[in-house]
Amino acid sequence: PTLKVNWSVNNKPTSPFNAASGAITTSFFT
């Protein structure tokens, strides 16, 4: 199936989750 891999030098283990700012909590699949 189709897969979108979201990666950025701004992606950090911070919360709450906000993909646009890079706050992704941790690496995960959804």
Full PDB file with SEQRES, HELIX, SHEET, SSBOND, CRYST1, ORIGX, SCALE, CONECT and MASTER records, all heavy atoms in Angstrom:
SEQRES   1 A   30  PRO THR LEU LYS VAL ASN TRP SER VAL ASN ASN LYS PRO          
SEQRES   2 A   30  THR SER PRO PHE ASN ALA ALA SER GLY ALA ILE THR THR          
SEQRES   3 A   30  SER PHE PHE THR                                              
CRYST1    1.000    1.000    1.000  90.00  90.00  90.00 P 1           1          
ORIGX1      1.000000  0.000000  0.000000        0.00000                         
ORIGX2      0.000000  1.000000  0.000000        0.00000                         
ORIGX3      0.000000  0.000000  1.000000        0.00000                         
SCALE1      1.000000  0.000000  0.000000        0.00000                         
SCALE2      0.000000  1.000000  0.000000        0.00000                         
SCALE3      0.000000  0.000000  1.000000        0.00000                         
ATOM      1  N   PRO A   1       0.820  -1.222   0.000  1.00  0.00           N  
ATOM      2  CA  PRO A   1       0.000   0.000   0.000  1.00  0.00           C  
ATOM      3  C   PRO A   1       0.849   1.265   0.000  1.00  0.00           C  
ATOM      4  O   PRO A   1       2.041   1.253   0.283  1.00  0.00           O  
ATOM      5  CB  PRO A   1      -0.794  -0.118   1.304  1.00  0.00           C  
ATOM      6  CG  PRO A   1       0.086  -0.937   2.200  1.00  0.00           C  
ATOM      7  CD  PRO A   1       0.779  -1.916   1.298  1.00  0.00           C  
ATOM      8  N   THR A   2       0.192   2.352  -0.315  1.00  0.00           N  
ATOM      9  CA  THR A   2       0.825   3.668  -0.287  1.00  0.00           C  
ATOM     10  C   THR A   2       1.299   4.002   1.127  1.00  0.00           C  
ATOM     11  O   THR A   2       0.648   3.666   2.108  1.00  0.00           O  
ATOM     12  CB  THR A   2      -0.169   4.737  -0.769  1.00  0.00           C  
ATOM     13  OG1 THR A   2      -0.455   4.507  -2.142  1.00  0.00           O  
ATOM     14  CG2 THR A   2       0.383   6.141  -0.589  1.00  0.00           C  
ATOM     15  N   LEU A   3       2.462   4.646   1.212  1.00  0.00           N  
ATOM     16  CA  LEU A   3       3.020   5.021   2.509  1.00  0.00           C  
ATOM     17  C   LEU A   3       3.604   6.418   2.428  1.00  0.00           C  
ATOM     18  O   LEU A   3       4.374   6.729   1.512  1.00  0.00           O  
ATOM     19  CB  LEU A   3       4.110   4.030   2.932  1.00  0.00           C  
ATOM     20  CG  LEU A   3       4.854   4.346   4.234  1.00  0.00           C  
ATOM     21  CD1 LEU A   3       3.902   4.246   5.427  1.00  0.00           C  
ATOM     22  CD2 LEU A   3       6.052   3.414   4.412  1.00  0.00           C  
ATOM     23  N   LYS A   4       3.246   7.252   3.378  1.00  0.00           N  
ATOM     24  CA  LYS A   4       3.823   8.584   3.509  1.00  0.00           C  
ATOM     25  C   LYS A   4       4.799   8.563   4.687  1.00  0.00           C  
ATOM     26  O   LYS A   4       4.404   8.268   5.818  1.00  0.00           O  
ATOM     27  CB  LYS A   4       2.742   9.627   3.768  1.00  0.00           C  
ATOM     28  CG  LYS A   4       1.708   9.760   2.666  1.00  0.00           C  
ATOM     29  CD  LYS A   4       2.276  10.390   1.413  1.00  0.00           C  
ATOM     30  CE  LYS A   4       1.193  10.638   0.385  1.00  0.00           C  
ATOM     31  NZ  LYS A   4       1.730  11.248  -0.862  1.00  0.00           N  
ATOM     32  N   VAL A   5       6.061   8.848   4.428  1.00  0.00           N  
ATOM     33  CA  VAL A   5       7.078   8.876   5.483  1.00  0.00           C  
ATOM     34  C   VAL A   5       7.369  10.330   5.833  1.00  0.00           C  
ATOM     35  O   VAL A   5       7.900  11.081   5.014  1.00  0.00           O  
ATOM     36  CB  VAL A   5       8.368   8.164   5.030  1.00  0.00           C  
ATOM     37  CG1 VAL A   5       9.375   8.129   6.183  1.00  0.00           C  
ATOM     38  CG2 VAL A   5       8.071   6.759   4.534  1.00  0.00           C  
ATOM     39  N   ASN A   6       7.002  10.720   7.033  1.00  0.00           N  
ATOM     40  CA  ASN A   6       7.169  12.101   7.489  1.00  0.00           C  
ATOM     41  C   ASN A   6       8.487  12.228   8.249  1.00  0.00           C  
ATOM     42  O   ASN A   6       8.642  11.679   9.342  1.00  0.00           O  
ATOM     43  CB  ASN A   6       6.003  12.488   8.398  1.00  0.00           C  
ATOM     44  CG  ASN A   6       4.661  12.430   7.696  1.00  0.00           C  
ATOM     45  OD1 ASN A   6       4.171  13.437   7.192  1.00  0.00           O  
ATOM     46  ND2 ASN A   6       4.056  11.243   7.650  1.00  0.00           N  
ATOM     47  N   TRP A   7       9.416  12.974   7.657  1.00  0.00           N  
ATOM     48  CA  TRP A   7      10.723  13.182   8.287  1.00  0.00           C  
ATOM     49  C   TRP A   7      11.116  14.640   8.144  1.00  0.00           C  
ATOM     50  O   TRP A   7      10.886  15.266   7.103  1.00  0.00           O  
ATOM     51  CB  TRP A   7      11.790  12.303   7.658  1.00  0.00           C  
ATOM     52  CG  TRP A   7      13.152  12.511   8.251  1.00  0.00           C  
ATOM     53  CD1 TRP A   7      13.670  11.919   9.355  1.00  0.00           C  
ATOM     54  CD2 TRP A   7      14.199  13.374   7.748  1.00  0.00           C  
ATOM     55  NE1 TRP A   7      14.957  12.350   9.592  1.00  0.00           N  
ATOM     56  CE2 TRP A   7      15.306  13.249   8.627  1.00  0.00           C  
ATOM     57  CE3 TRP A   7      14.295  14.237   6.659  1.00  0.00           C  
ATOM     58  CZ2 TRP A   7      16.488  13.953   8.434  1.00  0.00           C  
ATOM     59  CZ3 TRP A   7      15.478  14.953   6.467  1.00  0.00           C  
ATOM     60  CH2 TRP A   7      16.560  14.793   7.354  1.00  0.00           C  
ATOM     61  N   SER A   8      11.716  15.174   9.195  1.00  0.00           N  
ATOM     62  CA  SER A   8      12.194  16.554   9.162  1.00  0.00           C  
ATOM     63  C   SER A   8      13.306  16.714  10.185  1.00  0.00           C  
ATOM     64  O   SER A   8      13.306  16.028  11.218  1.00  0.00           O  
ATOM     65  CB  SER A   8      11.047  17.526   9.473  1.00  0.00           C  
ATOM     66  OG  SER A   8      11.540  18.839   9.697  1.00  0.00           O  
ATOM     67  N   VAL A   9      14.224  17.609   9.900  1.00  0.00           N  
ATOM     68  CA  VAL A   9      15.263  17.928  10.884  1.00  0.00           C  
ATOM     69  C   VAL A   9      14.654  18.617  12.095  1.00  0.00           C  
ATOM     70  O   VAL A   9      15.316  18.781  13.126  1.00  0.00           O  
ATOM     71  CB  VAL A   9      16.356  18.818  10.262  1.00  0.00           C  
ATOM     72  CG1 VAL A   9      17.063  18.090   9.135  1.00  0.00           C  
ATOM     73  CG2 VAL A   9      15.775  20.145   9.766  1.00  0.00           C  
ATOM     74  N   ASN A  10      13.381  19.010  11.985  1.00  0.00           N  
ATOM     75  CA  ASN A  10      12.680  19.650  13.102  1.00  0.00           C  
ATOM     76  C   ASN A  10      11.875  18.666  13.945  1.00  0.00           C  
ATOM     77  O   ASN A  10      11.296  19.061  14.964  1.00  0.00           O  
ATOM     78  CB  ASN A  10      11.734  20.733  12.569  1.00  0.00           C  
ATOM     79  CG  ASN A  10      12.456  21.819  11.802  1.00  0.00           C  
ATOM     80  OD1 ASN A  10      13.446  22.362  12.279  1.00  0.00           O  
ATOM     81  ND2 ASN A  10      11.979  22.137  10.615  1.00  0.00           N  
ATOM     82  N   ASN A  11      11.817  17.400  13.528  1.00  0.00           N  
ATOM     83  CA  ASN A  11      11.019  16.424  14.269  1.00  0.00           C  
ATOM     84  C   ASN A  11      11.702  16.048  15.585  1.00  0.00           C  
ATOM     85  O   ASN A  11      12.789  15.461  15.592  1.00  0.00           O  
ATOM     86  CB  ASN A  11      10.795  15.169  13.414  1.00  0.00           C  
ATOM     87  CG  ASN A  11       9.737  15.390  12.346  1.00  0.00           C  
ATOM     88  OD1 ASN A  11       9.134  16.458  12.259  1.00  0.00           O  
ATOM     89  ND2 ASN A  11       9.515  14.381  11.521  1.00  0.00           N  
ATOM     90  N   LYS A  12      11.041  16.382  16.687  1.00  0.00           N  
ATOM     91  CA  LYS A  12      11.613  16.179  18.017  1.00  0.00           C  
ATOM     92  C   LYS A  12      10.642  15.390  18.906  1.00  0.00           C  
ATOM     93  O   LYS A  12       9.431  15.399  18.675  1.00  0.00           O  
ATOM     94  CB  LYS A  12      11.918  17.531  18.674  1.00  0.00           C  
ATOM     95  CG  LYS A  12      12.900  18.393  17.894  1.00  0.00           C  
ATOM     96  CD  LYS A  12      13.088  19.750  18.567  1.00  0.00           C  
ATOM     97  CE  LYS A  12      14.056  20.619  17.774  1.00  0.00           C  
ATOM     98  NZ  LYS A  12      14.242  21.949  18.401  1.00  0.00           N  
ATOM     99  N   PRO A  13      11.171  14.739  19.947  1.00  0.00           N  
ATOM    100  CA  PRO A  13      10.309  13.977  20.866  1.00  0.00           C  
ATOM    101  C   PRO A  13       9.649  14.870  21.905  1.00  0.00           C  
ATOM    102  O   PRO A  13       9.890  14.748  23.115  1.00  0.00           O  
ATOM    103  CB  PRO A  13      11.295  12.992  21.495  1.00  0.00           C  
ATOM    104  CG  PRO A  13      12.592  13.724  21.510  1.00  0.00           C  
ATOM    105  CD  PRO A  13      12.599  14.543  20.243  1.00  0.00           C  
ATOM    106  N   THR A  14       8.848  15.805  21.419  1.00  0.00           N  
ATOM    107  CA  THR A  14       8.146  16.728  22.323  1.00  0.00           C  
ATOM    108  C   THR A  14       6.648  16.583  22.123  1.00  0.00           C  
ATOM    109  O   THR A  14       6.175  16.064  21.110  1.00  0.00           O  
ATOM    110  CB  THR A  14       8.567  18.180  22.055  1.00  0.00           C  
ATOM    111  OG1 THR A  14       8.347  18.491  20.666  1.00  0.00           O  
ATOM    112  CG2 THR A  14      10.030  18.395  22.368  1.00  0.00           C  
ATOM    113  N   SER A  15       5.885  17.043  23.093  1.00  0.00           N  
ATOM    114  CA  SER A  15       4.432  16.968  23.042  1.00  0.00           C  
ATOM    115  C   SER A  15       3.847  18.282  23.563  1.00  0.00           C  
ATOM    116  O   SER A  15       4.553  19.069  24.209  1.00  0.00           O  
ATOM    117  CB  SER A  15       3.937  15.776  23.880  1.00  0.00           C  
ATOM    118  OG  SER A  15       4.375  15.905  25.228  1.00  0.00           O  
ATOM    119  N   PRO A  16       2.575  18.586  23.257  1.00  0.00           N  
ATOM    120  CA  PRO A  16       1.626  17.717  22.554  1.00  0.00           C  
ATOM    121  C   PRO A  16       1.951  17.595  21.068  1.00  0.00           C  
ATOM    122  O   PRO A  16       2.690  18.413  20.525  1.00  0.00           O  
ATOM    123  CB  PRO A  16       0.288  18.426  22.771  1.00  0.00           C  
ATOM    124  CG  PRO A  16       0.665  19.874  22.920  1.00  0.00           C  
ATOM    125  CD  PRO A  16       1.968  19.857  23.675  1.00  0.00           C  
ATOM    126  N   PHE A  17       1.375  16.579  20.440  1.00  0.00           N  
ATOM    127  CA  PHE A  17       1.659  16.291  19.037  1.00  0.00           C  
ATOM    128  C   PHE A  17       1.237  17.449  18.137  1.00  0.00           C  
ATOM    129  O   PHE A  17       0.116  17.943  18.210  1.00  0.00           O  
ATOM    130  CB  PHE A  17       0.919  15.019  18.612  1.00  0.00           C  
ATOM    131  CG  PHE A  17       1.129  14.658  17.168  1.00  0.00           C  
ATOM    132  CD1 PHE A  17       2.277  13.992  16.768  1.00  0.00           C  
ATOM    133  CD2 PHE A  17       0.180  14.993  16.208  1.00  0.00           C  
ATOM    134  CE1 PHE A  17       2.468  13.654  15.433  1.00  0.00           C  
ATOM    135  CE2 PHE A  17       0.370  14.668  14.876  1.00  0.00           C  
ATOM    136  CZ  PHE A  17       1.518  13.993  14.491  1.00  0.00           C  
ATOM    137  N   ASN A  18       2.174  17.887  17.298  1.00  0.00           N  
ATOM    138  CA  ASN A  18       1.905  18.920  16.307  1.00  0.00           C  
ATOM    139  C   ASN A  18       2.863  18.687  15.143  1.00  0.00           C  
ATOM    140  O   ASN A  18       4.007  19.127  15.175  1.00  0.00           O  
ATOM    141  CB  ASN A  18       2.099  20.323  16.897  1.00  0.00           C  
ATOM    142  CG  ASN A  18       1.696  21.422  15.929  1.00  0.00           C  
ATOM    143  OD1 ASN A  18       1.838  21.288  14.720  1.00  0.00           O  
ATOM    144  ND2 ASN A  18       1.191  22.526  16.467  1.00  0.00           N  
ATOM    145  N   ALA A  19       2.379  17.957  14.141  1.00  0.00           N  
ATOM    146  CA  ALA A  19       3.244  17.557  13.032  1.00  0.00           C  
ATOM    147  C   ALA A  19       3.830  18.752  12.299  1.00  0.00           C  
ATOM    148  O   ALA A  19       4.987  18.722  11.865  1.00  0.00           O  
ATOM    149  CB  ALA A  19       2.462  16.687  12.051  1.00  0.00           C  
ATOM    150  N   ALA A  20       3.063  19.816  12.153  1.00  0.00           N  
ATOM    151  CA  ALA A  20       3.524  20.974  11.393  1.00  0.00           C  
ATOM    152  C   ALA A  20       4.720  21.653  12.029  1.00  0.00           C  
ATOM    153  O   ALA A  20       5.556  22.244  11.340  1.00  0.00           O  
ATOM    154  CB  ALA A  20       2.378  21.977  11.232  1.00  0.00           C  
ATOM    155  N   SER A  21       4.853  21.551  13.356  1.00  0.00           N  
ATOM    156  CA  SER A  21       5.979  22.181  14.041  1.00  0.00           C  
ATOM    157  C   SER A  21       7.105  21.190  14.317  1.00  0.00           C  
ATOM    158  O   SER A  21       8.198  21.585  14.739  1.00  0.00           O  
ATOM    159  CB  SER A  21       5.516  22.798  15.360  1.00  0.00           C  
ATOM    160  OG  SER A  21       5.149  21.786  16.282  1.00  0.00           O  
ATOM    161  N   GLY A  22       6.850  19.889  14.100  1.00  0.00           N  
ATOM    162  CA  GLY A  22       7.863  18.870  14.365  1.00  0.00           C  
ATOM    163  C   GLY A  22       7.741  18.215  15.718  1.00  0.00           C  
ATOM    164  O   GLY A  22       8.563  17.368  16.073  1.00  0.00           O  
ATOM    165  N   ALA A  23       6.736  18.573  16.488  1.00  0.00           N  
ATOM    166  CA  ALA A  23       6.518  17.934  17.796  1.00  0.00           C  
ATOM    167  C   ALA A  23       5.767  16.624  17.565  1.00  0.00           C  
ATOM    168  O   ALA A  23       4.535  16.603  17.526  1.00  0.00           O  
ATOM    169  CB  ALA A  23       5.716  18.857  18.703  1.00  0.00           C  
ATOM    170  N   ILE A  24       6.494  15.529  17.397  1.00  0.00           N  
ATOM    171  CA  ILE A  24       5.845  14.257  17.031  1.00  0.00           C  
ATOM    172  C   ILE A  24       5.880  13.240  18.168  1.00  0.00           C  
ATOM    173  O   ILE A  24       5.493  12.084  17.969  1.00  0.00           O  
ATOM    174  CB  ILE A  24       6.468  13.669  15.759  1.00  0.00           C  
ATOM    175  CG1 ILE A  24       7.917  13.256  15.984  1.00  0.00           C  
ATOM    176  CG2 ILE A  24       6.362  14.650  14.591  1.00  0.00           C  
ATOM    177  CD1 ILE A  24       8.497  12.421  14.844  1.00  0.00           C  
ATOM    178  N   THR A  25       6.364  13.609  19.333  1.00  0.00           N  
ATOM    179  CA  THR A  25       6.395  12.757  20.521  1.00  0.00           C  
ATOM    180  C   THR A  25       7.437  11.652  20.416  1.00  0.00           C  
ATOM    181  O   THR A  25       8.306  11.509  21.278  1.00  0.00           O  
ATOM    182  CB  THR A  25       5.014  12.140  20.806  1.00  0.00           C  
ATOM    183  OG1 THR A  25       4.043  13.190  20.849  1.00  0.00           O  
ATOM    184  CG2 THR A  25       5.015  11.415  22.148  1.00  0.00           C  
ATOM    185  N   THR A  26       7.362  10.839  19.342  1.00  0.00           N  
ATOM    186  CA  THR A  26       8.334   9.778  19.093  1.00  0.00           C  
ATOM    187  C   THR A  26       8.142   9.294  17.669  1.00  0.00           C  
ATOM    188  O   THR A  26       7.214   9.729  16.974  1.00  0.00           O  
ATOM    189  CB  THR A  26       8.151   8.606  20.074  1.00  0.00           C  
ATOM    190  OG1 THR A  26       9.218   7.659  19.898  1.00  0.00           O  
ATOM    191  CG2 THR A  26       6.819   7.885  19.835  1.00  0.00           C  
ATOM    192  N   SER A  27       8.995   8.399  17.204  1.00  0.00           N  
ATOM    193  CA  SER A  27       8.789   7.783  15.892  1.00  0.00           C  
ATOM    194  C   SER A  27       7.653   6.775  16.005  1.00  0.00           C  
ATOM    195  O   SER A  27       7.609   5.985  16.950  1.00  0.00           O  
ATOM    196  CB  SER A  27      10.061   7.080  15.421  1.00  0.00           C  
ATOM    197  OG  SER A  27      11.112   8.008  15.230  1.00  0.00           O  
ATOM    198  N   PHE A  28       6.724   6.802  15.037  1.00  0.00           N  
ATOM    199  CA  PHE A  28       5.590   5.886  15.114  1.00  0.00           C  
ATOM    200  C   PHE A  28       4.923   5.735  13.751  1.00  0.00           C  
ATOM    201  O   PHE A  28       5.158   6.512  12.828  1.00  0.00           O  
ATOM    202  CB  PHE A  28       4.569   6.385  16.141  1.00  0.00           C  
ATOM    203  CG  PHE A  28       3.859   7.663  15.743  1.00  0.00           C  
ATOM    204  CD1 PHE A  28       2.613   7.625  15.134  1.00  0.00           C  
ATOM    205  CD2 PHE A  28       4.452   8.901  15.972  1.00  0.00           C  
ATOM    206  CE1 PHE A  28       1.966   8.799  14.762  1.00  0.00           C  
ATOM    207  CE2 PHE A  28       3.810  10.076  15.614  1.00  0.00           C  
ATOM    208  CZ  PHE A  28       2.562  10.026  15.006  1.00  0.00           C  
ATOM    209  N   PHE A  29       4.057   4.715  13.653  1.00  0.00           N  
ATOM    210  CA  PHE A  29       3.282   4.427  12.450  1.00  0.00           C  
ATOM    211  C   PHE A  29       1.808   4.606  12.775  1.00  0.00           C  
ATOM    212  O   PHE A  29       1.356   4.249  13.863  1.00  0.00           O  
ATOM    213  CB  PHE A  29       3.537   2.998  11.970  1.00  0.00           C  
ATOM    214  CG  PHE A  29       2.630   2.549  10.854  1.00  0.00           C  
ATOM    215  CD1 PHE A  29       2.865   2.946   9.549  1.00  0.00           C  
ATOM    216  CD2 PHE A  29       1.534   1.728  11.122  1.00  0.00           C  
ATOM    217  CE1 PHE A  29       2.021   2.539   8.522  1.00  0.00           C  
ATOM    218  CE2 PHE A  29       0.686   1.320  10.100  1.00  0.00           C  
ATOM    219  CZ  PHE A  29       0.932   1.726   8.791  1.00  0.00           C  
ATOM    220  N   THR A  30       1.049   5.152  11.828  1.00  0.00           N  
ATOM    221  CA  THR A  30      -0.378   5.350  12.055  1.00  0.00           C  
ATOM    222  C   THR A  30      -1.132   5.244  10.739  1.00  0.00           C  
ATOM    223  O   THR A  30      -0.557   5.419   9.658  1.00  0.00           O  
ATOM    224  CB  THR A  30      -0.646   6.727  12.698  1.00  0.00           C  
ATOM    225  OG1 THR A  30      -2.029   6.840  13.013  1.00  0.00           O  
ATOM    226  CG2 THR A  30      -0.249   7.863  11.767  1.00  0.00           C  
TER     227      THR A  30                                                      
MASTER        0    0    0    0    0    0    0    6  226    1    0    3          
END                                                                             
